[in-house]
């Protein structure tokens, strides 16, 4: 979770610098060119200013939401945010290990899946031995949980 907060904070810092330093300079320079009604540079800078402001608000809201996550309420012994879950795809007779993460950290290539994805939602609250059916654009899969390490287990080993 600290990685997510750090990544969000870094983006906030970059955007705040752009909003407070770079964009005001661009707007002043564009204003110096005269008639604002036909000044493409001015309109582009103002539009970018609005986009940066909107993104900053969204990032700040996400940081506030992250601060409210109560890790003590993430269950012990059941799949939840931060869990590492190894499942057996019964249709392919193949094991896959997934890490349940927040949407910002999702990376299918690294088997880091969001808790809001079809597989992530299906695994939440499940324990070793449970079988879940997941319907996705590729069809329906049946996954059996083989091993589970919760965020609490992983924190204890670090």
N, C-alpha and C. Protein backbone atom coordinates (compact mmCIF):
# COMPACT_ATOMS: atom_id res chain seq x y z
N UNK A 1 0.82 -1.20 0.00
CA UNK A 1 0.00 0.00 0.00
C UNK A 1 0.86 1.26 0.00
N UNK A 2 2.01 1.15 0.66
CA UNK A 2 2.90 2.31 0.69
C UNK A 2 3.41 2.65 -0.71
N UNK A 3 3.59 1.61 -1.56
CA UNK A 3 4.02 1.84 -2.94
C UNK A 3 2.98 2.64 -3.70
N UNK A 4 1.71 2.30 -3.47
CA UNK A 4 0.63 3.02 -4.15
C UNK A 4 0.63 4.47 -3.70
N UNK A 5 0.69 4.67 -2.38
CA UNK A 5 0.69 6.04 -1.87
C UNK A 5 1.86 6.84 -2.41
N UNK A 6 3.04 6.19 -2.47
CA UNK A 6 4.24 6.87 -2.96
C UNK A 6 4.06 7.26 -4.43
N UNK A 7 3.54 6.32 -5.23
CA UNK A 7 3.33 6.60 -6.65
C UNK A 7 2.34 7.74 -6.85
N UNK A 8 1.24 7.72 -6.10
CA UNK A 8 0.25 8.80 -6.19
C UNK A 8 0.84 10.12 -5.75
N UNK A 9 1.61 10.11 -4.67
CA UNK A 9 2.20 11.34 -4.15
C UNK A 9 3.21 11.93 -5.14
N UNK A 10 3.97 11.06 -5.81
CA UNK A 10 4.92 11.53 -6.82
C UNK A 10 4.19 12.22 -7.96
N UNK A 11 3.09 11.63 -8.41
CA UNK A 11 2.33 12.25 -9.49
C UNK A 11 1.72 13.57 -9.03
N UNK A 12 1.24 13.62 -7.80
CA UNK A 12 0.69 14.86 -7.25
C UNK A 12 1.76 15.95 -7.26
N UNK A 13 2.97 15.62 -6.83
CA UNK A 13 4.06 16.59 -6.78
C UNK A 13 4.37 17.15 -8.17
N UNK A 14 4.44 16.27 -9.16
CA UNK A 14 4.72 16.71 -10.54
C UNK A 14 3.61 17.61 -11.05
N UNK A 15 2.36 17.21 -10.83
CA UNK A 15 1.23 18.01 -11.32
C UNK A 15 1.10 19.35 -10.59
N UNK A 16 1.38 19.35 -9.29
CA UNK A 16 1.32 20.62 -8.55
C UNK A 16 2.37 21.59 -9.08
N UNK A 17 3.55 21.08 -9.40
CA UNK A 17 4.60 21.95 -9.96
C UNK A 17 4.14 22.52 -11.30
N UNK A 18 3.56 21.66 -12.13
CA UNK A 18 3.07 22.12 -13.43
C UNK A 18 1.98 23.18 -13.25
N UNK A 19 1.06 22.92 -12.32
CA UNK A 19 -0.07 23.83 -12.10
C UNK A 19 0.38 25.17 -11.53
N UNK A 20 1.32 25.14 -10.61
CA UNK A 20 1.72 26.37 -9.91
C UNK A 20 2.86 27.12 -10.58
N UNK A 21 3.67 26.42 -11.38
CA UNK A 21 4.85 27.07 -11.94
C UNK A 21 4.80 27.18 -13.46
N UNK A 22 4.68 26.05 -14.13
CA UNK A 22 4.79 26.04 -15.58
C UNK A 22 3.58 26.64 -16.29
N UNK A 23 2.37 26.23 -15.89
CA UNK A 23 1.17 26.72 -16.58
C UNK A 23 0.96 28.23 -16.41
N UNK A 24 1.19 28.80 -15.21
CA UNK A 24 1.05 30.26 -15.13
C UNK A 24 2.00 31.00 -16.07
N UNK A 25 3.21 30.48 -16.25
CA UNK A 25 4.17 31.11 -17.18
C UNK A 25 3.65 31.01 -18.61
N UNK A 26 3.13 29.83 -18.98
CA UNK A 26 2.59 29.65 -20.33
C UNK A 26 1.41 30.58 -20.58
N UNK A 27 0.55 30.72 -19.58
CA UNK A 27 -0.62 31.59 -19.73
C UNK A 27 -0.19 33.04 -19.88
N UNK A 28 0.79 33.48 -19.08
CA UNK A 28 1.29 34.86 -19.19
C UNK A 28 1.92 35.10 -20.55
N UNK A 29 2.70 34.17 -21.02
CA UNK A 29 3.34 34.30 -22.33
C UNK A 29 2.28 34.38 -23.42
N UNK A 30 1.28 33.53 -23.34
CA UNK A 30 0.22 33.52 -24.35
C UNK A 30 -0.58 34.82 -24.31
N UNK A 31 -0.81 35.34 -23.10
CA UNK A 31 -1.56 36.62 -22.98
C UNK A 31 -0.79 37.76 -23.64
N UNK A 32 0.52 37.68 -23.55
CA UNK A 32 1.35 38.74 -24.13
C UNK A 32 1.24 38.78 -25.65
N UNK A 33 0.76 37.72 -26.25
CA UNK A 33 0.62 37.68 -27.70
C UNK A 33 -0.61 38.43 -28.20
N UNK A 34 -1.42 38.94 -27.29
CA UNK A 34 -2.54 39.77 -27.73
C UNK A 34 -3.89 39.12 -27.59
N UNK A 35 -4.74 39.35 -28.58
CA UNK A 35 -6.14 38.94 -28.59
C UNK A 35 -6.33 37.50 -28.12
N UNK A 36 -6.99 37.35 -26.97
CA UNK A 36 -7.17 36.03 -26.36
C UNK A 36 -8.22 35.19 -27.08
N UNK A 37 -9.14 35.84 -27.76
CA UNK A 37 -10.22 35.09 -28.41
C UNK A 37 -9.70 34.18 -29.52
N UNK A 38 -8.60 34.55 -30.14
CA UNK A 38 -8.05 33.74 -31.23
C UNK A 38 -6.67 33.20 -30.88
N UNK A 39 -6.35 33.13 -29.61
CA UNK A 39 -5.02 32.73 -29.17
C UNK A 39 -5.03 31.25 -28.77
N UNK A 40 -4.57 30.40 -29.67
CA UNK A 40 -4.59 28.95 -29.45
C UNK A 40 -3.71 28.54 -28.27
N UNK A 41 -2.56 29.19 -28.12
CA UNK A 41 -1.65 28.86 -27.01
C UNK A 41 -2.34 29.13 -25.66
N UNK A 42 -3.03 30.24 -25.58
CA UNK A 42 -3.73 30.60 -24.34
C UNK A 42 -4.82 29.56 -24.03
N UNK A 43 -5.62 29.23 -25.03
CA UNK A 43 -6.71 28.26 -24.82
C UNK A 43 -6.17 26.87 -24.47
N UNK A 44 -5.07 26.48 -25.10
CA UNK A 44 -4.46 25.17 -24.80
C UNK A 44 -3.94 25.14 -23.36
N UNK A 45 -3.29 26.23 -22.93
CA UNK A 45 -2.77 26.30 -21.57
C UNK A 45 -3.91 26.29 -20.54
N UNK A 46 -4.98 27.02 -20.82
CA UNK A 46 -6.12 27.05 -19.90
C UNK A 46 -6.79 25.67 -19.84
N UNK A 47 -6.89 25.00 -21.00
CA UNK A 47 -7.49 23.66 -21.02
C UNK A 47 -6.62 22.69 -20.22
N UNK A 48 -5.31 22.78 -20.41
CA UNK A 48 -4.40 21.90 -19.66
C UNK A 48 -4.51 22.19 -18.16
N UNK A 49 -4.67 23.45 -17.81
CA UNK A 49 -4.82 23.84 -16.40
C UNK A 49 -6.05 23.15 -15.80
N UNK A 50 -7.14 23.12 -16.53
CA UNK A 50 -8.36 22.45 -16.06
C UNK A 50 -8.16 20.95 -15.91
N UNK A 51 -7.48 20.33 -16.87
CA UNK A 51 -7.22 18.89 -16.81
C UNK A 51 -6.32 18.54 -15.63
N UNK A 52 -5.28 19.34 -15.43
CA UNK A 52 -4.36 19.09 -14.31
C UNK A 52 -5.09 19.24 -12.98
N UNK A 53 -5.92 20.26 -12.88
CA UNK A 53 -6.71 20.46 -11.66
C UNK A 53 -7.62 19.27 -11.38
N UNK A 54 -8.29 18.78 -12.40
CA UNK A 54 -9.20 17.63 -12.24
C UNK A 54 -8.42 16.39 -11.82
N UNK A 55 -7.27 16.15 -12.45
CA UNK A 55 -6.45 14.98 -12.09
C UNK A 55 -5.94 15.10 -10.66
N UNK A 56 -5.51 16.29 -10.26
CA UNK A 56 -5.03 16.50 -8.89
C UNK A 56 -6.14 16.20 -7.89
N UNK A 57 -7.33 16.66 -8.16
CA UNK A 57 -8.45 16.40 -7.25
C UNK A 57 -8.71 14.90 -7.12
N UNK A 58 -8.66 14.19 -8.24
CA UNK A 58 -8.88 12.74 -8.23
C UNK A 58 -7.78 12.03 -7.44
N UNK A 59 -6.53 12.43 -7.65
CA UNK A 59 -5.41 11.81 -6.93
C UNK A 59 -5.49 12.07 -5.42
N UNK A 60 -5.82 13.30 -5.06
CA UNK A 60 -5.95 13.63 -3.63
C UNK A 60 -7.07 12.82 -2.98
N UNK A 61 -8.16 12.64 -3.71
CA UNK A 61 -9.28 11.84 -3.20
C UNK A 61 -8.83 10.39 -3.01
N UNK A 62 -8.06 9.87 -3.94
CA UNK A 62 -7.59 8.48 -3.85
C UNK A 62 -6.64 8.31 -2.66
N UNK A 63 -5.77 9.28 -2.42
CA UNK A 63 -4.86 9.22 -1.28
C UNK A 63 -5.67 9.23 0.02
N UNK A 64 -6.70 10.04 0.07
CA UNK A 64 -7.56 10.09 1.26
C UNK A 64 -8.27 8.74 1.47
N UNK A 65 -8.72 8.13 0.37
CA UNK A 65 -9.37 6.82 0.48
C UNK A 65 -8.39 5.76 0.99
N UNK A 66 -7.16 5.82 0.50
CA UNK A 66 -6.14 4.86 0.95
C UNK A 66 -5.86 5.01 2.44
N UNK A 67 -5.86 6.24 2.90
CA UNK A 67 -5.60 6.49 4.32
C UNK A 67 -6.69 5.89 5.21
N UNK A 68 -7.86 5.69 4.63
CA UNK A 68 -8.98 5.17 5.42
C UNK A 68 -9.05 3.65 5.44
N UNK A 69 -8.17 2.96 4.69
CA UNK A 69 -8.20 1.49 4.70
C UNK A 69 -7.74 1.00 6.06
N UNK A 70 -8.57 0.20 6.67
CA UNK A 70 -8.27 -0.36 7.99
C UNK A 70 -7.79 -1.80 7.80
N UNK A 71 -6.47 -1.98 7.87
CA UNK A 71 -5.89 -3.30 7.62
C UNK A 71 -6.30 -4.32 8.68
N UNK A 72 -6.73 -3.85 9.83
CA UNK A 72 -7.17 -4.79 10.86
C UNK A 72 -8.49 -5.46 10.47
N UNK A 73 -9.19 -4.86 9.52
CA UNK A 73 -10.48 -5.43 9.10
C UNK A 73 -10.33 -6.37 7.91
N UNK A 74 -9.13 -6.46 7.34
CA UNK A 74 -8.90 -7.43 6.28
C UNK A 74 -8.80 -8.78 6.97
N UNK A 75 -9.61 -9.75 6.53
CA UNK A 75 -9.70 -11.02 7.26
C UNK A 75 -8.40 -11.82 7.27
N UNK A 76 -8.20 -12.55 8.36
CA UNK A 76 -7.11 -13.52 8.46
C UNK A 76 -7.66 -14.83 7.92
N UNK A 77 -6.90 -15.53 7.10
CA UNK A 77 -7.32 -16.84 6.63
C UNK A 77 -8.26 -16.83 5.44
N UNK A 78 -8.64 -15.65 4.97
CA UNK A 78 -9.51 -15.53 3.80
C UNK A 78 -8.86 -14.57 2.80
N UNK A 79 -9.10 -14.81 1.52
CA UNK A 79 -8.53 -13.95 0.49
C UNK A 79 -9.09 -12.55 0.62
N UNK A 80 -8.20 -11.58 0.55
CA UNK A 80 -8.59 -10.18 0.63
C UNK A 80 -7.50 -9.33 -0.01
N UNK A 81 -7.66 -8.03 0.08
CA UNK A 81 -6.68 -7.10 -0.46
C UNK A 81 -5.29 -7.45 0.08
N UNK A 82 -4.32 -7.57 -0.81
CA UNK A 82 -2.95 -7.87 -0.42
C UNK A 82 -2.63 -9.35 -0.35
N UNK A 83 -3.62 -10.21 -0.59
CA UNK A 83 -3.39 -11.66 -0.52
C UNK A 83 -2.67 -12.17 -1.76
N UNK A 84 -1.94 -13.26 -1.55
CA UNK A 84 -1.33 -14.01 -2.64
C UNK A 84 -2.08 -15.34 -2.69
N UNK A 85 -2.76 -15.60 -3.79
CA UNK A 85 -3.64 -16.76 -3.90
C UNK A 85 -3.19 -17.63 -5.08
N UNK A 86 -2.89 -18.89 -4.78
CA UNK A 86 -2.58 -19.84 -5.85
C UNK A 86 -3.83 -20.66 -6.10
N UNK A 87 -4.23 -20.69 -7.37
CA UNK A 87 -5.45 -21.41 -7.75
C UNK A 87 -5.11 -22.45 -8.81
N UNK A 88 -5.92 -23.48 -8.84
CA UNK A 88 -5.84 -24.50 -9.88
C UNK A 88 -6.98 -24.24 -10.84
N UNK A 89 -6.62 -23.94 -12.08
CA UNK A 89 -7.63 -23.79 -13.13
C UNK A 89 -8.01 -25.21 -13.53
N UNK A 90 -9.17 -25.67 -13.08
CA UNK A 90 -9.55 -27.07 -13.27
C UNK A 90 -9.75 -27.43 -14.74
N UNK A 91 -10.09 -26.47 -15.56
CA UNK A 91 -10.27 -26.73 -16.99
C UNK A 91 -8.96 -26.98 -17.71
N UNK A 92 -7.91 -26.33 -17.27
CA UNK A 92 -6.60 -26.46 -17.91
C UNK A 92 -5.64 -27.33 -17.09
N UNK A 93 -6.05 -27.69 -15.85
CA UNK A 93 -5.19 -28.40 -14.91
C UNK A 93 -3.85 -27.65 -14.77
N UNK A 94 -4.00 -26.34 -14.50
CA UNK A 94 -2.84 -25.45 -14.43
C UNK A 94 -2.97 -24.56 -13.20
N UNK A 95 -1.85 -24.42 -12.47
CA UNK A 95 -1.85 -23.55 -11.29
C UNK A 95 -1.36 -22.16 -11.67
N UNK A 96 -2.01 -21.16 -11.09
CA UNK A 96 -1.64 -19.77 -11.30
C UNK A 96 -1.67 -19.08 -9.94
N UNK A 97 -0.68 -18.23 -9.68
CA UNK A 97 -0.67 -17.45 -8.45
C UNK A 97 -1.02 -16.01 -8.76
N UNK A 98 -2.03 -15.51 -8.06
CA UNK A 98 -2.47 -14.12 -8.22
C UNK A 98 -2.18 -13.34 -6.95
N UNK A 99 -1.87 -12.07 -7.13
CA UNK A 99 -1.78 -11.14 -6.01
C UNK A 99 -2.97 -10.21 -6.13
N UNK A 100 -3.77 -10.12 -5.07
CA UNK A 100 -4.95 -9.25 -5.08
C UNK A 100 -4.52 -7.85 -4.67
N UNK A 101 -4.66 -6.92 -5.58
CA UNK A 101 -4.18 -5.55 -5.37
C UNK A 101 -5.28 -4.54 -5.68
N UNK A 102 -4.99 -3.29 -5.40
CA UNK A 102 -5.91 -2.21 -5.76
C UNK A 102 -5.78 -1.95 -7.26
N UNK A 103 -6.77 -1.33 -7.84
CA UNK A 103 -6.80 -1.14 -9.28
C UNK A 103 -5.57 -0.41 -9.81
N UNK A 104 -4.98 0.50 -9.02
CA UNK A 104 -3.80 1.24 -9.46
C UNK A 104 -2.60 0.35 -9.69
N UNK A 105 -2.53 -0.76 -8.98
CA UNK A 105 -1.38 -1.65 -9.07
C UNK A 105 -1.62 -2.85 -9.97
N UNK A 106 -2.81 -2.99 -10.51
CA UNK A 106 -3.13 -4.15 -11.33
C UNK A 106 -2.20 -4.22 -12.54
N UNK A 107 -1.69 -5.42 -12.80
CA UNK A 107 -0.81 -5.68 -13.93
C UNK A 107 -0.99 -7.15 -14.28
N UNK A 108 -1.84 -7.43 -15.25
CA UNK A 108 -2.18 -8.81 -15.61
C UNK A 108 -0.94 -9.61 -15.99
N UNK A 109 0.03 -8.97 -16.62
CA UNK A 109 1.25 -9.66 -17.02
C UNK A 109 2.06 -10.18 -15.84
N UNK A 110 1.88 -9.55 -14.69
CA UNK A 110 2.59 -9.98 -13.47
C UNK A 110 1.64 -10.70 -12.52
N UNK A 111 0.45 -11.06 -13.01
CA UNK A 111 -0.58 -11.72 -12.20
C UNK A 111 -0.98 -10.91 -10.97
N UNK A 112 -0.89 -9.61 -11.08
CA UNK A 112 -1.37 -8.71 -10.03
C UNK A 112 -2.75 -8.24 -10.49
N UNK A 113 -3.79 -8.80 -9.85
CA UNK A 113 -5.15 -8.51 -10.31
C UNK A 113 -5.90 -7.68 -9.28
N UNK A 114 -6.71 -6.81 -9.79
CA UNK A 114 -7.50 -5.93 -8.94
C UNK A 114 -8.58 -6.71 -8.20
N UNK A 115 -8.86 -6.27 -6.99
CA UNK A 115 -9.94 -6.89 -6.22
C UNK A 115 -11.30 -6.59 -6.86
N UNK A 116 -11.33 -5.69 -7.85
CA UNK A 116 -12.57 -5.38 -8.54
C UNK A 116 -12.70 -6.10 -9.87
N UNK A 117 -11.67 -6.86 -10.27
CA UNK A 117 -11.73 -7.63 -11.51
C UNK A 117 -12.61 -8.86 -11.28
N UNK A 118 -13.07 -9.51 -12.34
CA UNK A 118 -13.91 -10.70 -12.15
C UNK A 118 -13.25 -11.78 -11.28
N UNK A 119 -11.98 -12.08 -11.53
CA UNK A 119 -11.29 -13.09 -10.72
C UNK A 119 -11.10 -12.58 -9.30
N UNK A 120 -10.67 -11.34 -9.16
CA UNK A 120 -10.46 -10.76 -7.84
C UNK A 120 -11.72 -10.78 -6.99
N UNK A 121 -12.85 -10.36 -7.58
CA UNK A 121 -14.13 -10.36 -6.85
C UNK A 121 -14.52 -11.78 -6.43
N UNK A 122 -14.29 -12.74 -7.33
CA UNK A 122 -14.66 -14.12 -7.04
C UNK A 122 -13.83 -14.70 -5.89
N UNK A 123 -12.57 -14.30 -5.79
CA UNK A 123 -11.68 -14.85 -4.76
C UNK A 123 -11.86 -14.21 -3.39
N UNK A 124 -12.35 -12.99 -3.34
CA UNK A 124 -12.50 -12.29 -2.06
C UNK A 124 -13.32 -13.10 -1.06
N UNK A 125 -12.77 -13.25 0.14
CA UNK A 125 -13.47 -13.93 1.21
C UNK A 125 -13.39 -15.44 1.16
N UNK A 126 -12.70 -15.98 0.17
CA UNK A 126 -12.60 -17.44 0.03
C UNK A 126 -11.38 -17.97 0.77
N UNK A 127 -11.39 -19.29 1.05
CA UNK A 127 -10.29 -19.94 1.77
C UNK A 127 -9.76 -21.12 0.95
N UNK A 128 -8.67 -21.71 1.43
CA UNK A 128 -8.07 -22.86 0.76
C UNK A 128 -9.11 -23.97 0.65
N UNK A 129 -9.19 -24.55 -0.54
CA UNK A 129 -10.16 -25.62 -0.80
C UNK A 129 -11.42 -25.14 -1.47
N UNK A 130 -11.73 -23.85 -1.37
CA UNK A 130 -12.92 -23.30 -2.02
C UNK A 130 -12.74 -23.31 -3.54
N UNK A 131 -13.84 -23.50 -4.24
CA UNK A 131 -13.86 -23.44 -5.69
C UNK A 131 -14.78 -22.30 -6.11
N UNK A 132 -14.31 -21.52 -7.07
CA UNK A 132 -15.11 -20.40 -7.57
C UNK A 132 -15.25 -20.52 -9.07
N UNK A 133 -16.35 -20.03 -9.58
CA UNK A 133 -16.55 -19.95 -11.02
C UNK A 133 -16.45 -18.48 -11.42
N UNK A 134 -15.66 -18.23 -12.44
CA UNK A 134 -15.42 -16.86 -12.89
C UNK A 134 -15.83 -16.75 -14.35
N UNK A 135 -16.72 -15.83 -14.63
CA UNK A 135 -17.12 -15.58 -16.01
C UNK A 135 -16.42 -14.32 -16.48
N UNK A 136 -15.69 -14.45 -17.56
CA UNK A 136 -14.99 -13.32 -18.14
C UNK A 136 -15.21 -13.37 -19.65
N UNK A 137 -14.70 -12.37 -20.38
CA UNK A 137 -14.90 -12.38 -21.83
C UNK A 137 -14.38 -13.67 -22.50
N UNK A 138 -13.39 -14.32 -21.87
CA UNK A 138 -12.83 -15.55 -22.43
C UNK A 138 -13.66 -16.79 -22.13
N UNK A 139 -14.71 -16.65 -21.35
CA UNK A 139 -15.54 -17.79 -20.98
C UNK A 139 -15.57 -17.98 -19.47
N UNK A 140 -16.10 -19.12 -19.04
CA UNK A 140 -16.20 -19.40 -17.61
C UNK A 140 -15.07 -20.33 -17.19
N UNK A 141 -14.42 -19.97 -16.08
CA UNK A 141 -13.33 -20.77 -15.51
C UNK A 141 -13.76 -21.26 -14.14
N UNK A 142 -13.28 -22.42 -13.79
CA UNK A 142 -13.48 -22.91 -12.43
C UNK A 142 -12.11 -22.95 -11.78
N UNK A 143 -11.98 -22.22 -10.67
CA UNK A 143 -10.70 -22.10 -9.98
C UNK A 143 -10.83 -22.65 -8.56
N UNK A 144 -9.90 -23.50 -8.20
CA UNK A 144 -9.87 -24.03 -6.83
C UNK A 144 -8.68 -23.41 -6.11
N UNK A 145 -8.92 -22.86 -4.93
CA UNK A 145 -7.84 -22.23 -4.17
C UNK A 145 -6.97 -23.32 -3.55
N UNK A 146 -5.68 -23.30 -3.92
CA UNK A 146 -4.72 -24.30 -3.47
C UNK A 146 -3.94 -23.80 -2.26
N UNK A 147 -3.42 -22.57 -2.36
CA UNK A 147 -2.71 -21.96 -1.23
C UNK A 147 -3.15 -20.51 -1.10
N UNK A 148 -3.00 -19.99 0.08
CA UNK A 148 -3.42 -18.61 0.37
C UNK A 148 -2.48 -18.02 1.40
N UNK A 149 -1.97 -16.85 1.07
CA UNK A 149 -1.19 -16.07 2.04
C UNK A 149 -1.83 -14.69 2.09
N UNK A 150 -2.36 -14.32 3.23
CA UNK A 150 -3.04 -13.03 3.36
C UNK A 150 -2.01 -11.93 3.56
N UNK A 151 -2.49 -10.70 3.53
CA UNK A 151 -1.62 -9.54 3.76
C UNK A 151 -0.97 -9.65 5.14
N UNK A 152 -1.66 -10.26 6.08
CA UNK A 152 -1.12 -10.43 7.43
C UNK A 152 0.02 -11.45 7.42
N UNK A 153 -0.17 -12.57 6.70
CA UNK A 153 0.88 -13.58 6.58
C UNK A 153 2.11 -13.00 5.90
N UNK A 154 1.89 -12.25 4.84
CA UNK A 154 3.00 -11.67 4.07
C UNK A 154 3.75 -10.63 4.90
N UNK A 155 3.04 -9.85 5.71
CA UNK A 155 3.69 -8.84 6.55
C UNK A 155 4.54 -9.51 7.62
N UNK A 156 4.10 -10.66 8.12
CA UNK A 156 4.85 -11.38 9.15
C UNK A 156 6.15 -11.96 8.63
N UNK A 157 6.22 -12.24 7.30
CA UNK A 157 7.43 -12.82 6.72
C UNK A 157 8.40 -11.76 6.24
N UNK A 158 7.97 -10.53 6.13
CA UNK A 158 8.87 -9.45 5.65
C UNK A 158 9.82 -8.99 6.74
